[in-house]
Structures are given as structure tokens and as C-alpha cells.
All heavy atoms as atom14 arrays in JSON, in Angstrom:
{
  "sequence": "QTPPELEELRHIIRMLGIDAHELMRKGEDAFARLAFDKQPPGEDEVLQ",
  "atom14_mask": [
    [1, 1, 1, 1, 1, 1, 1, 1, 1, 0, 0, 0, 0, 0],
    [1, 1, 1, 1, 1, 1, 1, 0, 0, 0, 0, 0, 0, 0],
    [1, 1, 1, 1, 1, 1, 1, 0, 0, 0, 0, 0, 0, 0],
    [1, 1, 1, 1, 1, 1, 1, 0, 0, 0, 0, 0, 0, 0],
    [1, 1, 1, 1, 1, 1, 1, 1, 1, 0, 0, 0, 0, 0],
    [1, 1, 1, 1, 1, 1, 1, 1, 0, 0, 0, 0, 0, 0],
    [1, 1, 1, 1, 1, 1, 1, 1, 1, 0, 0, 0, 0, 0],
    [1, 1, 1, 1, 1, 1, 1, 1, 1, 0, 0, 0, 0, 0],
    [1, 1, 1, 1, 1, 1, 1, 1, 0, 0, 0, 0, 0, 0],
    [1, 1, 1, 1, 1, 1, 1, 1, 1, 1, 1, 0, 0, 0],
    [1, 1, 1, 1, 1, 1, 1, 1, 1, 1, 0, 0, 0, 0],
    [1, 1, 1, 1, 1, 1, 1, 1, 0, 0, 0, 0, 0, 0],
    [1, 1, 1, 1, 1, 1, 1, 1, 0, 0, 0, 0, 0, 0],
    [1, 1, 1, 1, 1, 1, 1, 1, 1, 1, 1, 0, 0, 0],
    [1, 1, 1, 1, 1, 1, 1, 1, 0, 0, 0, 0, 0, 0],
    [1, 1, 1, 1, 1, 1, 1, 1, 0, 0, 0, 0, 0, 0],
    [1, 1, 1, 1, 0, 0, 0, 0, 0, 0, 0, 0, 0, 0],
    [1, 1, 1, 1, 1, 1, 1, 1, 0, 0, 0, 0, 0, 0],
    [1, 1, 1, 1, 1, 1, 1, 1, 0, 0, 0, 0, 0, 0],
    [1, 1, 1, 1, 1, 0, 0, 0, 0, 0, 0, 0, 0, 0],
    [1, 1, 1, 1, 1, 1, 1, 1, 1, 1, 0, 0, 0, 0],
    [1, 1, 1, 1, 1, 1, 1, 1, 1, 0, 0, 0, 0, 0],
    [1, 1, 1, 1, 1, 1, 1, 1, 0, 0, 0, 0, 0, 0],
    [1, 1, 1, 1, 1, 1, 1, 1, 0, 0, 0, 0, 0, 0],
    [1, 1, 1, 1, 1, 1, 1, 1, 1, 1, 1, 0, 0, 0],
    [1, 1, 1, 1, 1, 1, 1, 1, 1, 0, 0, 0, 0, 0],
    [1, 1, 1, 1, 0, 0, 0, 0, 0, 0, 0, 0, 0, 0],
    [1, 1, 1, 1, 1, 1, 1, 1, 1, 0, 0, 0, 0, 0],
    [1, 1, 1, 1, 1, 1, 1, 1, 0, 0, 0, 0, 0, 0],
    [1, 1, 1, 1, 1, 0, 0, 0, 0, 0, 0, 0, 0, 0],
    [1, 1, 1, 1, 1, 1, 1, 1, 1, 1, 1, 0, 0, 0],
    [1, 1, 1, 1, 1, 0, 0, 0, 0, 0, 0, 0, 0, 0],
    [1, 1, 1, 1, 1, 1, 1, 1, 1, 1, 1, 0, 0, 0],
    [1, 1, 1, 1, 1, 1, 1, 1, 0, 0, 0, 0, 0, 0],
    [1, 1, 1, 1, 1, 0, 0, 0, 0, 0, 0, 0, 0, 0],
    [1, 1, 1, 1, 1, 1, 1, 1, 1, 1, 1, 0, 0, 0],
    [1, 1, 1, 1, 1, 1, 1, 1, 0, 0, 0, 0, 0, 0],
    [1, 1, 1, 1, 1, 1, 1, 1, 1, 0, 0, 0, 0, 0],
    [1, 1, 1, 1, 1, 1, 1, 1, 1, 0, 0, 0, 0, 0],
    [1, 1, 1, 1, 1, 1, 1, 0, 0, 0, 0, 0, 0, 0],
    [1, 1, 1, 1, 1, 1, 1, 0, 0, 0, 0, 0, 0, 0],
    [1, 1, 1, 1, 0, 0, 0, 0, 0, 0, 0, 0, 0, 0],
    [1, 1, 1, 1, 1, 1, 1, 1, 1, 0, 0, 0, 0, 0],
    [1, 1, 1, 1, 1, 1, 1, 1, 0, 0, 0, 0, 0, 0],
    [1, 1, 1, 1, 1, 1, 1, 1, 1, 0, 0, 0, 0, 0],
    [1, 1, 1, 1, 1, 1, 1, 0, 0, 0, 0, 0, 0, 0],
    [1, 1, 1, 1, 1, 1, 1, 1, 0, 0, 0, 0, 0, 0],
    [1, 1, 1, 1, 1, 1, 1, 1, 1, 0, 0, 0, 0, 0]
  ],
  "atom14_positions": [
    [[271.41, -39.01, 260.51], [272.56, -38.98, 259.64], [273.14, -40.4, 259.48], [273.64, -40.7, 258.4], [273.64, -38.08, 260.24], [273.23, -36.65, 260.3], [274.2, -35.78, 261.05], [275.24, -36.22, 261.53], [273.81, -34.54, 261.26], [0.0, 0.0, 0.0], [0.0, 0.0, 0.0], [0.0, 0.0, 0.0], [0.0, 0.0, 0.0], [0.0, 0.0, 0.0]],
    [[273.06, -41.24, 260.53], [273.54, -42.62, 260.41], [272.43, -43.54, 260.99], [272.5, -43.91, 262.14], [274.81, -42.8, 261.27], [274.61, -42.33, 262.59], [276.01, -42.04, 260.66], [0.0, 0.0, 0.0], [0.0, 0.0, 0.0], [0.0, 0.0, 0.0], [0.0, 0.0, 0.0], [0.0, 0.0, 0.0], [0.0, 0.0, 0.0], [0.0, 0.0, 0.0]],
    [[271.47, -43.9, 260.15], [270.36, -44.69, 260.58], [270.85, -46.1, 260.96], [271.8, -46.65, 260.43], [269.46, -44.83, 259.37], [269.93, -43.8, 258.4], [271.34, -43.5, 258.74], [0.0, 0.0, 0.0], [0.0, 0.0, 0.0], [0.0, 0.0, 0.0], [0.0, 0.0, 0.0], [0.0, 0.0, 0.0], [0.0, 0.0, 0.0], [0.0, 0.0, 0.0]],
    [[270.15, -46.67, 261.99], [270.54, -48.0, 262.39], [270.26, -49.02, 261.24], [269.3, -48.86, 260.5], [269.64, -48.32, 263.59], [268.73, -47.16, 263.77], [269.08, -46.13, 262.77], [0.0, 0.0, 0.0], [0.0, 0.0, 0.0], [0.0, 0.0, 0.0], [0.0, 0.0, 0.0], [0.0, 0.0, 0.0], [0.0, 0.0, 0.0], [0.0, 0.0, 0.0]],
    [[271.08, -50.04, 261.17], [270.9, -51.1, 260.15], [269.94, -52.12, 260.68], [269.46, -52.05, 261.86], [272.26, -51.72, 259.84], [273.17, -50.68, 259.14], [274.44, -51.29, 258.62], [274.53, -52.55, 258.52], [275.35, -50.51, 258.27], [0.0, 0.0, 0.0], [0.0, 0.0, 0.0], [0.0, 0.0, 0.0], [0.0, 0.0, 0.0], [0.0, 0.0, 0.0]],
    [[269.56, -53.05, 259.85], [268.48, -53.99, 260.15], [268.65, -54.74, 261.46], [267.8, -54.78, 262.33], [268.39, -55.04, 258.99], [267.23, -56.04, 259.16], [265.9, -55.39, 259.22], [267.32, -57.02, 257.99], [0.0, 0.0, 0.0], [0.0, 0.0, 0.0], [0.0, 0.0, 0.0], [0.0, 0.0, 0.0], [0.0, 0.0, 0.0], [0.0, 0.0, 0.0]],
    [[269.83, -55.36, 261.68], [270.06, -56.1, 262.9], [270.11, -55.21, 264.15], [269.66, -55.63, 265.25], [271.32, -56.96, 262.82], [271.18, -58.15, 261.94], [269.93, -59.0, 262.28], [269.7, -59.35, 263.43], [269.17, -59.31, 261.33], [0.0, 0.0, 0.0], [0.0, 0.0, 0.0], [0.0, 0.0, 0.0], [0.0, 0.0, 0.0], [0.0, 0.0, 0.0]],
    [[270.59, -53.97, 264.01], [270.61, -53.06, 265.1], [269.16, -52.7, 265.46], [268.82, -52.63, 266.67], [271.38, -51.82, 264.72], [271.61, -50.85, 265.83], [272.52, -49.67, 265.42], [272.92, -49.59, 264.21], [272.72, -48.81, 266.27], [0.0, 0.0, 0.0], [0.0, 0.0, 0.0], [0.0, 0.0, 0.0], [0.0, 0.0, 0.0], [0.0, 0.0, 0.0]],
    [[268.33, -52.43, 264.49], [266.88, -52.11, 264.72], [266.22, -53.31, 265.45], [265.47, -53.11, 266.38], [266.15, -51.84, 263.44], [266.26, -50.44, 262.86], [265.63, -50.39, 261.5], [265.65, -49.44, 263.8], [0.0, 0.0, 0.0], [0.0, 0.0, 0.0], [0.0, 0.0, 0.0], [0.0, 0.0, 0.0], [0.0, 0.0, 0.0], [0.0, 0.0, 0.0]],
    [[266.5, -54.5, 264.94], [265.89, -55.73, 265.63], [266.29, -55.82, 267.08], [265.51, -56.12, 267.95], [266.27, -56.98, 264.86], [265.61, -57.14, 263.51], [265.99, -58.49, 262.89], [265.71, -58.58, 261.52], [264.51, -58.88, 261.0], [263.54, -59.11, 261.78], [264.36, -58.99, 259.68], [0.0, 0.0, 0.0], [0.0, 0.0, 0.0], [0.0, 0.0, 0.0]],
    [[267.61, -55.5, 267.31], [268.11, -55.57, 268.7], [267.47, -54.49, 269.57], [267.11, -54.78, 270.71], [269.65, -55.43, 268.62], [270.31, -55.64, 269.95], [270.28, -56.82, 270.63], [270.96, -54.76, 270.76], [270.93, -56.7, 271.76], [271.34, -55.43, 271.88], [0.0, 0.0, 0.0], [0.0, 0.0, 0.0], [0.0, 0.0, 0.0], [0.0, 0.0, 0.0]],
    [[267.32, -53.32, 269.03], [266.66, -52.21, 269.79], [265.21, -52.6, 270.15], [264.81, -52.41, 271.27], [266.68, -50.9, 268.99], [268.17, -50.36, 268.89], [265.76, -49.86, 269.54], [268.31, -49.24, 267.86], [0.0, 0.0, 0.0], [0.0, 0.0, 0.0], [0.0, 0.0, 0.0], [0.0, 0.0, 0.0], [0.0, 0.0, 0.0], [0.0, 0.0, 0.0]],
    [[264.54, -53.14, 269.16], [263.13, -53.55, 269.44], [263.05, -54.61, 270.51], [262.16, -54.52, 271.36], [262.47, -53.99, 268.09], [262.27, -52.8, 267.17], [261.13, -54.75, 268.34], [261.97, -53.16, 265.7], [0.0, 0.0, 0.0], [0.0, 0.0, 0.0], [0.0, 0.0, 0.0], [0.0, 0.0, 0.0], [0.0, 0.0, 0.0], [0.0, 0.0, 0.0]],
    [[263.93, -55.59, 270.45], [263.95, -56.64, 271.48], [264.23, -56.02, 272.85], [263.57, -56.37, 273.86], [264.99, -57.7, 271.2], [264.54, -58.73, 270.16], [265.47, -59.94, 270.11], [266.86, -59.59, 269.83], [267.37, -59.45, 268.56], [266.58, -59.58, 267.54], [268.63, -59.14, 268.41], [0.0, 0.0, 0.0], [0.0, 0.0, 0.0], [0.0, 0.0, 0.0]],
    [[265.19, -55.11, 272.96], [265.52, -54.5, 274.22], [264.39, -53.67, 274.77], [264.12, -53.61, 275.94], [266.76, -53.62, 274.15], [268.05, -54.46, 274.06], [269.55, -53.41, 274.19], [269.49, -52.46, 272.66], [0.0, 0.0, 0.0], [0.0, 0.0, 0.0], [0.0, 0.0, 0.0], [0.0, 0.0, 0.0], [0.0, 0.0, 0.0], [0.0, 0.0, 0.0]],
    [[263.66, -53.01, 273.81], [262.53, -52.18, 274.28], [261.31, -53.08, 274.65], [260.46, -52.6, 275.35], [262.11, -51.22, 273.13], [263.04, -50.05, 272.85], [262.65, -49.32, 271.57], [262.99, -49.06, 274.06], [0.0, 0.0, 0.0], [0.0, 0.0, 0.0], [0.0, 0.0, 0.0], [0.0, 0.0, 0.0], [0.0, 0.0, 0.0], [0.0, 0.0, 0.0]],
    [[261.3, -54.3, 274.15], [260.21, -55.17, 274.42], [258.9, -54.72, 273.74], [257.82, -54.86, 274.29], [0.0, 0.0, 0.0], [0.0, 0.0, 0.0], [0.0, 0.0, 0.0], [0.0, 0.0, 0.0], [0.0, 0.0, 0.0], [0.0, 0.0, 0.0], [0.0, 0.0, 0.0], [0.0, 0.0, 0.0], [0.0, 0.0, 0.0], [0.0, 0.0, 0.0]],
    [[259.03, -54.2, 272.52], [257.87, -53.69, 271.78], [257.8, -54.41, 270.43], [258.72, -55.05, 270.01], [257.92, -52.19, 271.6], [259.08, -51.74, 270.78], [257.87, -51.45, 272.98], [259.13, -50.24, 270.42], [0.0, 0.0, 0.0], [0.0, 0.0, 0.0], [0.0, 0.0, 0.0], [0.0, 0.0, 0.0], [0.0, 0.0, 0.0], [0.0, 0.0, 0.0]],
    [[256.71, -54.17, 269.72], [256.51, -54.61, 268.39], [257.17, -53.56, 267.48], [257.19, -52.39, 267.81], [254.99, -54.67, 268.15], [254.65, -55.13, 266.78], [254.66, -54.28, 265.85], [254.32, -56.29, 266.61], [0.0, 0.0, 0.0], [0.0, 0.0, 0.0], [0.0, 0.0, 0.0], [0.0, 0.0, 0.0], [0.0, 0.0, 0.0], [0.0, 0.0, 0.0]],
    [[257.65, -53.96, 266.33], [258.28, -53.05, 265.41], [257.4, -51.83, 265.04], [257.86, -50.69, 264.89], [258.69, -53.76, 264.11], [0.0, 0.0, 0.0], [0.0, 0.0, 0.0], [0.0, 0.0, 0.0], [0.0, 0.0, 0.0], [0.0, 0.0, 0.0], [0.0, 0.0, 0.0], [0.0, 0.0, 0.0], [0.0, 0.0, 0.0], [0.0, 0.0, 0.0]],
    [[256.09, -52.09, 264.95], [255.14, -51.0, 264.64], [255.15, -49.88, 265.69], [254.93, -48.75, 265.38], [253.72, -51.56, 264.49], [253.55, -52.52, 263.34], [253.84, -53.86, 263.5], [253.12, -52.32, 262.1], [253.59, -54.46, 262.29], [253.18, -53.52, 261.47], [0.0, 0.0, 0.0], [0.0, 0.0, 0.0], [0.0, 0.0, 0.0], [0.0, 0.0, 0.0]],
    [[255.42, -50.28, 266.94], [255.41, -49.28, 268.03], [256.63, -48.38, 267.98], [256.64, -47.4, 268.65], [255.35, -50.0, 269.4], [254.07, -50.77, 269.61], [254.12, -51.54, 270.87], [253.96, -51.0, 271.98], [254.34, -52.81, 270.78], [0.0, 0.0, 0.0], [0.0, 0.0, 0.0], [0.0, 0.0, 0.0], [0.0, 0.0, 0.0], [0.0, 0.0, 0.0]],
    [[257.65, -48.74, 267.23], [258.86, -47.9, 267.08], [258.62, -46.81, 266.06], [259.43, -45.89, 265.92], [260.03, -48.77, 266.73], [261.4, -48.15, 266.79], [261.68, -47.59, 268.19], [262.5, -49.09, 266.36], [0.0, 0.0, 0.0], [0.0, 0.0, 0.0], [0.0, 0.0, 0.0], [0.0, 0.0, 0.0], [0.0, 0.0, 0.0], [0.0, 0.0, 0.0]],
    [[257.54, -46.91, 265.32], [257.31, -46.01, 264.19], [256.41, -44.79, 264.62], [255.43, -44.94, 265.26], [256.61, -46.77, 263.06], [256.48, -45.93, 261.82], [255.95, -46.98, 260.41], [257.48, -47.66, 259.94], [0.0, 0.0, 0.0], [0.0, 0.0, 0.0], [0.0, 0.0, 0.0], [0.0, 0.0, 0.0], [0.0, 0.0, 0.0], [0.0, 0.0, 0.0]],
    [[256.86, -43.58, 264.23], [256.14, -42.31, 264.5], [255.12, -42.2, 263.34], [255.45, -42.05, 262.22], [257.1, -41.18, 264.48], [258.06, -41.2, 265.67], [259.06, -40.1, 265.57], [258.45, -38.78, 265.41], [258.05, -38.0, 266.42], [258.22, -38.35, 267.68], [257.52, -36.8, 266.17], [0.0, 0.0, 0.0], [0.0, 0.0, 0.0], [0.0, 0.0, 0.0]],
    [[253.85, -42.28, 263.73], [252.79, -42.28, 262.74], [252.38, -40.88, 262.26], [251.68, -40.76, 261.24], [251.6, -43.04, 263.25], [251.96, -44.53, 263.47], [250.94, -45.24, 264.34], [251.35, -46.69, 264.53], [252.61, -46.92, 265.17], [0.0, 0.0, 0.0], [0.0, 0.0, 0.0], [0.0, 0.0, 0.0], [0.0, 0.0, 0.0], [0.0, 0.0, 0.0]],
    [[252.85, -39.83, 262.92], [252.48, -38.48, 262.55], [253.37, -37.83, 261.57], [253.18, -36.69, 261.1], [0.0, 0.0, 0.0], [0.0, 0.0, 0.0], [0.0, 0.0, 0.0], [0.0, 0.0, 0.0], [0.0, 0.0, 0.0], [0.0, 0.0, 0.0], [0.0, 0.0, 0.0], [0.0, 0.0, 0.0], [0.0, 0.0, 0.0], [0.0, 0.0, 0.0]],
    [[254.44, -38.55, 261.11], [255.35, -37.98, 260.15], [254.81, -38.06, 258.68], [254.13, -38.98, 258.36], [256.7, -38.74, 260.23], [257.42, -38.65, 261.55], [257.98, -37.2, 261.85], [258.17, -36.46, 260.86], [258.1, -36.93, 263.02], [0.0, 0.0, 0.0], [0.0, 0.0, 0.0], [0.0, 0.0, 0.0], [0.0, 0.0, 0.0], [0.0, 0.0, 0.0]],
    [[255.24, -37.1, 257.87], [254.82, -37.12, 256.5], [255.23, -38.39, 255.75], [254.47, -38.88, 254.92], [255.43, -35.89, 255.73], [254.88, -34.55, 256.18], [253.75, -34.58, 256.76], [255.52, -33.54, 255.93], [0.0, 0.0, 0.0], [0.0, 0.0, 0.0], [0.0, 0.0, 0.0], [0.0, 0.0, 0.0], [0.0, 0.0, 0.0], [0.0, 0.0, 0.0]],
    [[256.39, -38.95, 256.05], [256.84, -40.15, 255.41], [255.9, -41.33, 255.67], [255.67, -42.15, 254.78], [258.27, -40.52, 255.86], [0.0, 0.0, 0.0], [0.0, 0.0, 0.0], [0.0, 0.0, 0.0], [0.0, 0.0, 0.0], [0.0, 0.0, 0.0], [0.0, 0.0, 0.0], [0.0, 0.0, 0.0], [0.0, 0.0, 0.0], [0.0, 0.0, 0.0]],
    [[255.26, -41.37, 256.85], [254.34, -42.41, 257.18], [253.12, -42.3, 256.23], [252.71, -43.32, 255.68], [253.89, -42.29, 258.64], [253.04, -43.38, 259.08], [253.59, -44.55, 259.58], [251.63, -43.25, 259.09], [252.77, -45.64, 260.01], [250.82, -44.29, 259.54], [251.39, -45.45, 260.03], [0.0, 0.0, 0.0], [0.0, 0.0, 0.0], [0.0, 0.0, 0.0]],
    [[252.62, -41.11, 256.01], [251.49, -40.9, 255.09], [251.91, -41.24, 253.65], [251.14, -41.85, 252.92], [250.98, -39.48, 255.22], [0.0, 0.0, 0.0], [0.0, 0.0, 0.0], [0.0, 0.0, 0.0], [0.0, 0.0, 0.0], [0.0, 0.0, 0.0], [0.0, 0.0, 0.0], [0.0, 0.0, 0.0], [0.0, 0.0, 0.0], [0.0, 0.0, 0.0]],
    [[253.11, -40.78, 253.23], [253.61, -41.07, 251.91], [253.68, -42.58, 251.6], [253.39, -43.04, 250.53], [254.93, -40.41, 251.67], [254.9, -38.97, 251.34], [256.18, -38.46, 250.71], [257.35, -38.78, 251.48], [257.85, -38.02, 252.44], [257.26, -36.94, 252.83], [258.95, -38.39, 253.09], [0.0, 0.0, 0.0], [0.0, 0.0, 0.0], [0.0, 0.0, 0.0]],
    [[254.03, -43.35, 252.65], [254.13, -44.81, 252.51], [252.74, -45.48, 252.52], [252.63, -46.66, 252.25], [254.98, -45.36, 253.6], [256.45, -45.0, 253.55], [257.17, -45.4, 254.87], [257.14, -45.7, 252.35], [0.0, 0.0, 0.0], [0.0, 0.0, 0.0], [0.0, 0.0, 0.0], [0.0, 0.0, 0.0], [0.0, 0.0, 0.0], [0.0, 0.0, 0.0]],
    [[251.7, -44.69, 252.84], [250.31, -45.15, 252.87], [250.12, -46.27, 253.95], [249.28, -47.1, 253.82], [249.82, -45.63, 251.52], [0.0, 0.0, 0.0], [0.0, 0.0, 0.0], [0.0, 0.0, 0.0], [0.0, 0.0, 0.0], [0.0, 0.0, 0.0], [0.0, 0.0, 0.0], [0.0, 0.0, 0.0], [0.0, 0.0, 0.0], [0.0, 0.0, 0.0]],
    [[250.94, -46.24, 254.98], [250.87, -47.21, 256.05], [249.56, -47.03, 256.82], [249.12, -47.96, 257.51], [252.07, -47.14, 256.99], [253.29, -47.78, 256.42], [254.51, -47.64, 257.08], [253.33, -48.5, 255.25], [255.68, -48.22, 256.59], [254.48, -49.1, 254.73], [255.64, -48.91, 255.41], [0.0, 0.0, 0.0], [0.0, 0.0, 0.0], [0.0, 0.0, 0.0]],
    [[248.98, -45.85, 256.78], [247.73, -45.61, 257.47], [246.56, -46.34, 256.78], [245.58, -46.65, 257.4], [247.45, -44.16, 257.61], [247.5, -43.37, 256.3], [248.13, -43.81, 255.35], [246.89, -42.26, 256.22], [0.0, 0.0, 0.0], [0.0, 0.0, 0.0], [0.0, 0.0, 0.0], [0.0, 0.0, 0.0], [0.0, 0.0, 0.0], [0.0, 0.0, 0.0]],
    [[246.76, -46.6, 255.47], [245.66, -47.28, 254.7], [245.9, -48.79, 254.68], [244.96, -49.56, 254.68], [245.65, -46.68, 253.29], [245.27, -45.26, 253.25], [245.31, -44.7, 251.85], [244.87, -43.25, 251.76], [245.81, -42.32, 252.24], [0.0, 0.0, 0.0], [0.0, 0.0, 0.0], [0.0, 0.0, 0.0], [0.0, 0.0, 0.0], [0.0, 0.0, 0.0]],
    [[247.16, -49.2, 254.6], [247.49, -50.61, 254.46], [248.56, -50.91, 255.54], [249.78, -50.58, 255.32], [248.07, -50.92, 253.05], [248.52, -52.35, 252.85], [247.35, -53.31, 252.86], [246.25, -52.96, 252.59], [247.62, -54.58, 253.24], [0.0, 0.0, 0.0], [0.0, 0.0, 0.0], [0.0, 0.0, 0.0], [0.0, 0.0, 0.0], [0.0, 0.0, 0.0]],
    [[248.17, -51.44, 256.68], [249.18, -51.71, 257.74], [250.34, -52.63, 257.23], [250.07, -53.64, 256.6], [248.36, -52.44, 258.83], [246.94, -52.07, 258.54], [246.87, -51.86, 257.07], [0.0, 0.0, 0.0], [0.0, 0.0, 0.0], [0.0, 0.0, 0.0], [0.0, 0.0, 0.0], [0.0, 0.0, 0.0], [0.0, 0.0, 0.0], [0.0, 0.0, 0.0]],
    [[251.54, -52.18, 257.47], [252.7, -52.94, 256.97], [253.05, -54.11, 257.87], [252.73, -54.16, 259.03], [253.84, -51.87, 257.06], [253.45, -51.05, 258.21], [251.94, -50.97, 258.17], [0.0, 0.0, 0.0], [0.0, 0.0, 0.0], [0.0, 0.0, 0.0], [0.0, 0.0, 0.0], [0.0, 0.0, 0.0], [0.0, 0.0, 0.0], [0.0, 0.0, 0.0]],
    [[253.73, -55.09, 257.31], [254.3, -56.18, 258.03], [255.56, -55.71, 258.75], [256.08, -54.63, 258.44], [0.0, 0.0, 0.0], [0.0, 0.0, 0.0], [0.0, 0.0, 0.0], [0.0, 0.0, 0.0], [0.0, 0.0, 0.0], [0.0, 0.0, 0.0], [0.0, 0.0, 0.0], [0.0, 0.0, 0.0], [0.0, 0.0, 0.0], [0.0, 0.0, 0.0]],
    [[256.11, -56.55, 259.61], [257.29, -56.19, 260.37], [258.47, -55.85, 259.46], [259.2, -54.89, 259.66], [257.7, -57.24, 261.38], [258.9, -56.84, 262.18], [259.2, -57.78, 263.37], [258.24, -58.29, 263.91], [260.4, -57.89, 263.67], [0.0, 0.0, 0.0], [0.0, 0.0, 0.0], [0.0, 0.0, 0.0], [0.0, 0.0, 0.0], [0.0, 0.0, 0.0]],
    [[258.72, -56.7, 258.43], [259.83, -56.41, 257.54], [259.69, -55.11, 256.79], [260.66, -54.35, 256.64], [259.97, -57.54, 256.5], [260.52, -58.8, 257.13], [261.14, -58.75, 258.24], [260.32, -59.89, 256.63], [0.0, 0.0, 0.0], [0.0, 0.0, 0.0], [0.0, 0.0, 0.0], [0.0, 0.0, 0.0], [0.0, 0.0, 0.0], [0.0, 0.0, 0.0]],
    [[258.45, -54.77, 256.42], [258.16, -53.46, 255.78], [258.46, -52.31, 256.74], [259.02, -51.26, 256.3], [256.73, -53.36, 255.34], [256.45, -53.88, 253.94], [255.01, -53.53, 253.61], [254.11, -54.16, 254.2], [254.81, -52.7, 252.7], [0.0, 0.0, 0.0], [0.0, 0.0, 0.0], [0.0, 0.0, 0.0], [0.0, 0.0, 0.0], [0.0, 0.0, 0.0]],
    [[258.1, -52.49, 257.97], [258.35, -51.45, 259.0], [259.87, -51.24, 259.17], [260.35, -50.11, 259.15], [257.74, -51.82, 260.39], [258.21, -50.89, 261.45], [256.19, -51.8, 260.29], [0.0, 0.0, 0.0], [0.0, 0.0, 0.0], [0.0, 0.0, 0.0], [0.0, 0.0, 0.0], [0.0, 0.0, 0.0], [0.0, 0.0, 0.0], [0.0, 0.0, 0.0]],
    [[260.59, -52.31, 259.27], [262.06, -52.18, 259.45], [262.7, -51.53, 258.25], [263.6, -50.68, 258.38], [262.67, -53.57, 259.72], [262.21, -54.22, 261.04], [262.68, -55.64, 261.13], [262.64, -53.44, 262.23], [0.0, 0.0, 0.0], [0.0, 0.0, 0.0], [0.0, 0.0, 0.0], [0.0, 0.0, 0.0], [0.0, 0.0, 0.0], [0.0, 0.0, 0.0]],
    [[262.26, -51.92, 257.03], [262.82, -51.28, 255.83], [262.48, -49.77, 255.77], [263.36, -48.97, 255.43], [262.27, -51.98, 254.57], [262.76, -53.39, 254.39], [264.29, -53.46, 254.3], [264.95, -52.65, 253.63], [264.9, -54.48, 254.91], [0.0, 0.0, 0.0], [0.0, 0.0, 0.0], [0.0, 0.0, 0.0], [0.0, 0.0, 0.0], [0.0, 0.0, 0.0]]
  ]
}
């Protein structure tokens, strides 16, 4: 309902100590719709 904004996401990723790609659930329909399985996104694309 209230998604984190860009800087909040960046902060969460830093605290988790992971790459932005690791924060993404790859089994969701939205992931397939974005075609990220065919063309791996850059970090900014992941955050967006």
C-alpha cells in the first residue's frame, strides 16, 4: 500500500548487505511482464 521510495530502498539494500537484484522476487508475474528473465536489468531498473 505504501511502497518504499528510492532512498529508502537503497538504505534497506545497504543494511541487508545484498545486491538490488537479490531483493527482487523472480517468481512474480510482474517480473515476467517486465521481461527481466530475458534481459537482466541494471540496478536503477531494479529499484524503479
